[in-house]
Protein backbone atom coordinates (compact mmCIF):
# COMPACT_ATOMS: atom_id res chain seq x y z
CA UNK A 1 69.32 -23.72 88.32
CA UNK A 2 73.07 -24.11 88.55
CA UNK A 3 74.71 -26.79 86.54
CA UNK A 4 75.48 -28.83 89.57
CA UNK A 5 75.00 -28.59 93.40
CA UNK A 6 78.30 -28.95 95.27
CA UNK A 7 78.04 -31.73 97.91
CA UNK A 8 80.88 -32.78 100.36
CA UNK A 9 82.57 -35.06 97.87
CA UNK A 10 82.59 -32.34 95.08
CA UNK A 11 84.02 -29.72 97.57
CA UNK A 12 86.88 -32.27 98.81
CA UNK A 13 87.76 -33.02 95.17
CA UNK A 14 87.80 -29.28 94.35
CA UNK A 15 90.07 -28.37 97.42
CA UNK A 16 92.29 -31.27 96.54
CA UNK A 17 92.87 -30.66 92.83
CA UNK A 18 91.74 -27.20 91.57
CA UNK A 19 93.90 -24.84 93.78
CA UNK A 20 96.73 -23.37 91.56
CA UNK A 21 100.08 -23.33 93.19
CA UNK A 22 101.50 -20.12 94.45
CA UNK A 23 104.15 -19.82 91.76
CA UNK A 24 101.39 -20.55 89.08
CA UNK A 25 99.45 -17.56 90.18
CA UNK A 26 101.86 -15.06 89.07
CA UNK A 27 100.38 -14.49 85.55
CA UNK A 28 96.97 -14.09 87.06
CA UNK A 29 98.24 -11.57 89.51
CA UNK A 30 99.78 -9.47 86.76
CA UNK A 31 96.68 -9.46 84.64
CA UNK A 32 94.31 -8.80 87.59
CA UNK A 33 96.60 -5.87 88.51
CA UNK A 34 96.07 -4.13 85.17
CA UNK A 35 92.44 -3.49 86.27
CA UNK A 36 92.45 -3.60 90.00
CA UNK A 37 94.89 -1.36 91.77
CA UNK A 38 94.97 -2.25 95.41
CA UNK A 39 95.11 0.45 98.07
CA UNK A 40 94.90 0.50 101.89
CA UNK A 41 91.12 0.46 102.96
CA UNK A 42 89.76 -1.13 99.79
CA UNK A 43 87.43 -4.04 100.01
CA UNK A 44 87.47 -6.85 97.46
CA UNK A 45 84.84 -9.42 97.14
CA UNK A 46 85.39 -13.05 96.08
CA UNK A 47 81.87 -13.96 94.97
CA UNK A 48 81.27 -17.74 94.74
CA UNK A 49 84.60 -18.23 96.37
CA UNK A 50 84.35 -22.06 96.45
CA UNK A 51 87.05 -23.48 98.74
CA UNK A 52 88.68 -19.99 99.02
CA UNK A 53 92.00 -20.28 97.21
CA UNK A 54 91.70 -16.99 95.42
CA UNK A 55 90.51 -15.09 98.50
CA UNK A 56 93.47 -16.61 100.37
CA UNK A 57 95.89 -15.53 97.52
CA UNK A 58 94.33 -12.02 97.48
CA UNK A 59 94.92 -11.69 101.32
CA UNK A 60 98.66 -12.72 100.91
CA UNK A 61 99.14 -10.40 98.04
CA UNK A 62 97.50 -7.30 99.46
CA UNK A 63 97.46 -7.21 103.17
CA UNK A 64 96.07 -3.81 103.26
CA UNK A 65 92.87 -4.73 101.27
CA UNK A 66 89.97 -6.16 103.19
CA UNK A 67 89.06 -9.36 101.28
CA UNK A 68 85.55 -10.82 101.84
CA UNK A 69 84.18 -14.10 100.40
CA UNK A 70 80.71 -15.60 99.86
CA UNK A 71 79.50 -18.88 98.73
CA UNK A 72 76.03 -20.54 98.56
CA UNK A 73 77.18 -24.09 99.22
CA UNK A 74 77.71 -25.20 102.91
CA UNK A 75 79.95 -28.01 101.66
CA UNK A 76 82.41 -25.48 99.99
CA UNK A 77 82.26 -23.16 103.03
CA UNK A 78 83.35 -26.06 105.24
CA UNK A 79 86.33 -26.88 103.19
CA UNK A 80 87.33 -23.30 102.59
CA UNK A 81 91.05 -22.55 103.13
CA UNK A 82 90.06 -18.89 103.77
CA UNK A 83 88.05 -17.38 106.74
CA UNK A 84 85.39 -16.22 106.94
CA UNK A 85 83.27 -17.22 104.18
CA UNK A 86 79.82 -16.04 104.48
CA UNK A 87 76.63 -17.53 102.98
CA UNK A 88 75.31 -15.64 100.02
CA UNK A 89 74.45 -15.76 96.50
CA UNK A 90 75.25 -13.79 93.33
CA UNK A 91 71.56 -12.38 93.34
CA UNK A 92 71.52 -11.89 97.15
CA UNK A 93 74.90 -10.40 98.29
CA UNK A 94 74.87 -9.80 101.98
CA UNK A 95 76.63 -6.50 101.68
CA UNK A 96 75.55 -2.68 101.68
CA UNK A 97 75.01 -0.72 98.54
CA UNK A 98 78.34 0.76 97.09
CA UNK A 99 80.45 -1.13 99.76
CA UNK A 100 83.09 -2.89 97.51
CA UNK A 101 85.95 -1.86 95.42
CA UNK A 102 86.00 -4.70 93.30
CA UNK A 103 84.15 -8.12 92.54
CA UNK A 104 86.08 -11.32 91.46
CA UNK A 105 84.25 -14.30 90.07
CA UNK A 106 86.39 -17.48 89.19
CA UNK A 107 84.94 -20.15 87.28
CA UNK A 108 81.56 -19.41 88.63
CA UNK A 109 79.63 -17.61 86.05
CA UNK A 110 78.28 -20.88 84.71
CA UNK A 111 76.56 -21.69 87.93
CA UNK A 112 74.55 -18.47 88.12
CA UNK A 113 70.87 -19.17 87.22
CA UNK A 114 70.03 -15.63 86.39
CA UNK A 115 72.74 -13.49 84.92
CA UNK A 116 70.64 -10.26 84.85
CA UNK A 117 69.77 -10.55 88.63
CA UNK A 118 73.55 -11.23 89.44
CA UNK A 119 74.48 -8.22 87.33
CA UNK A 120 72.00 -6.09 89.12
CA UNK A 121 73.21 -7.22 92.49
CA UNK A 122 76.80 -6.77 91.61
CA UNK A 123 76.10 -3.30 90.46
CA UNK A 124 74.41 -2.44 93.75
CA UNK A 125 77.34 -3.45 95.90
CA UNK A 126 80.12 -1.99 93.72
CA UNK A 127 81.30 1.37 94.14
CA UNK A 128 80.95 3.57 91.06
CA UNK A 129 83.79 2.82 88.49
CA UNK A 130 84.89 -0.32 90.35
CA UNK A 131 85.61 -3.44 88.22
CA UNK A 132 84.00 -6.84 87.86
CA UNK A 133 86.69 -9.38 87.18
CA UNK A 134 85.37 -12.66 85.72
CA UNK A 135 87.87 -15.47 85.24
CA UNK A 136 86.21 -18.39 83.39
CA UNK A 137 86.00 -20.86 80.50
CA UNK A 138 83.22 -19.47 78.30
CA UNK A 139 81.02 -21.06 75.59
CA UNK A 140 82.80 -21.75 72.42
CA UNK A 141 86.28 -21.04 73.78
CA UNK A 142 87.58 -24.63 74.58
CA UNK A 143 90.52 -24.56 72.33
CA UNK A 144 93.07 -23.54 74.93
CA UNK A 145 91.80 -25.95 77.68
CA UNK A 146 93.59 -29.41 77.77
CA UNK A 147 90.73 -31.06 79.43
CA UNK A 148 88.55 -30.98 76.18
CA UNK A 149 91.21 -32.76 74.25
CA UNK A 150 90.86 -35.82 76.37
CA UNK A 151 87.09 -35.42 76.96
CA UNK A 152 85.67 -34.02 73.70
CA UNK A 153 82.20 -34.87 74.63
CA UNK A 154 82.58 -32.30 77.41
CA UNK A 155 82.68 -29.44 74.94
CA UNK A 156 78.88 -29.70 74.57
CA UNK A 157 78.82 -29.09 78.28
CA UNK A 158 80.94 -25.97 77.92
CA UNK A 159 78.52 -24.62 75.19
CA UNK A 160 75.84 -24.59 77.78
CA UNK A 161 77.92 -21.91 79.68
CA UNK A 162 77.42 -18.17 79.12
CA UNK A 163 79.35 -16.92 76.06
CA UNK A 164 81.21 -13.77 76.52
CA UNK A 165 78.72 -11.69 74.53
CA UNK A 166 75.95 -12.90 76.70
CA UNK A 167 77.75 -11.97 79.91
CA UNK A 168 78.41 -8.56 78.30
CA UNK A 169 74.91 -8.07 77.34
CA UNK A 170 73.56 -8.96 80.94
CA UNK A 171 75.88 -6.47 82.37
CA UNK A 172 75.55 -3.79 79.99
CA UNK A 173 71.88 -3.86 80.65
CA UNK A 174 72.69 -2.35 84.16
CA UNK A 175 75.38 0.03 82.97
CA UNK A 176 78.59 -1.82 82.73
CA UNK A 177 80.98 -1.59 79.94
CA UNK A 178 83.69 -4.07 78.88
CA UNK A 179 87.19 -2.81 79.43
CA UNK A 180 89.16 -5.97 78.71
CA UNK A 181 89.05 -9.53 77.77
CA UNK A 182 92.31 -11.36 78.00
CA UNK A 183 93.18 -14.97 77.51
CA UNK A 184 95.51 -15.82 80.38
CA UNK A 185 97.78 -19.02 80.37
CA UNK A 186 98.34 -20.85 83.60
CA UNK A 187 100.35 -24.07 84.33
CA UNK A 188 97.78 -26.45 85.49
CA UNK A 189 100.05 -29.48 86.15
CA UNK A 190 103.80 -29.93 85.70
CA UNK A 191 103.17 -32.84 83.52
CA UNK A 192 100.44 -34.93 81.87
CA UNK A 193 101.50 -37.66 84.44
CA UNK A 194 100.68 -35.37 87.23
CA UNK A 195 97.45 -34.33 85.65
CA UNK A 196 96.26 -37.79 85.06
CA UNK A 197 97.22 -38.96 88.71
CA UNK A 198 95.31 -36.01 90.22
CA UNK A 199 92.23 -36.08 87.97
CA UNK A 200 88.99 -36.10 89.97
CA UNK A 201 85.85 -36.20 88.05
CA UNK A 202 83.86 -34.59 90.92
CA UNK A 203 86.12 -31.39 90.62
CA UNK A 204 85.02 -30.48 87.01
CA UNK A 205 81.40 -29.57 86.17
CA UNK A 206 81.86 -30.69 82.41
CA UNK A 207 83.17 -34.07 83.43
CA UNK A 208 80.26 -34.52 85.84
CA UNK A 209 77.67 -33.90 83.00
CA UNK A 210 79.08 -36.36 80.50
CA UNK A 211 78.27 -39.99 80.41
CA UNK A 212 80.18 -42.60 82.32
CA UNK A 213 81.39 -44.06 78.99
CA UNK A 214 82.68 -40.80 77.73
CA UNK A 215 84.59 -40.43 80.94
CA UNK A 216 86.27 -43.80 80.94
CA UNK A 217 87.27 -43.18 77.34
CA UNK A 218 88.82 -39.78 78.22
CA UNK A 219 90.66 -41.04 81.14
CA UNK A 220 92.20 -43.76 78.82
CA UNK A 221 93.18 -40.96 76.20
CA UNK A 222 94.83 -38.95 78.99
CA UNK A 223 96.58 -41.98 80.32
CA UNK A 224 98.00 -42.81 76.94
CA UNK A 225 99.07 -39.27 76.32
CA UNK A 226 100.81 -39.13 79.73
CA UNK A 227 102.97 -42.08 78.69
CA UNK A 228 104.07 -40.47 75.44
CA UNK A 229 104.27 -36.79 75.96
CA UNK A 230 106.36 -34.66 78.20
CA UNK A 231 106.17 -30.95 79.40
CA UNK A 232 103.79 -29.08 81.59
CA UNK A 233 100.07 -28.80 81.14
CA UNK A 234 99.38 -25.20 80.26
CA UNK A 235 95.64 -24.15 80.06
CA UNK A 236 94.16 -20.76 78.85
CA UNK A 237 91.15 -19.14 80.68
CA UNK A 238 89.59 -15.80 79.87
CA UNK A 239 89.61 -12.74 82.21
CA UNK A 240 86.55 -10.56 81.31
CA UNK A 241 86.63 -7.21 83.05
CA UNK A 242 83.72 -4.74 83.22
CA UNK A 243 83.11 -1.43 84.78
């Protein structure tokens, strides 16, 4: 099963706090563009799109590309800032064989209950040679993510996520090869003060799965740091690309 099942509260928190601002997407656009070359008539699938911020960005960046989005959570689909979002899962994608030119998965790989089944289904819907682009925090790679400085108990949750080698192995079993793995910095908040004010536990899987005591202690650490440190909050997630 997935680590959590998103309800209305989770979806509202995600939509309110997890969307990157347009200016902060520039680094990601550049990295994605190294592996996905948009052309008129192409079709890009946002798989597990959540509340749709990436699908919305793709449509704005590449108006000649058809952006399609699916998510299994009714709550997420109801809060989506992109339309339409179709019901579906990574192991049951409601599209025809060889019908998409790229698949994007953002912070969703840890919610897939069967990586092998997801890899087979993604292989089915992708055209030959098309990329799978996976934006995620992976097991063992918490060092660049500020959340884990304030909530160290959440590292144990992250280590339940798939590792990069585990994802590569699942996809290699159905013929994919890794073509890139890039750490990508992003400005998550303009300051720690902003980060502390906007923190919503329900928006972060690792915070939902630690104890209330650990969460309370982490909030105290974050608030203390916000009073004593300046500068933007820059986090680093990985972009794993397979073909």
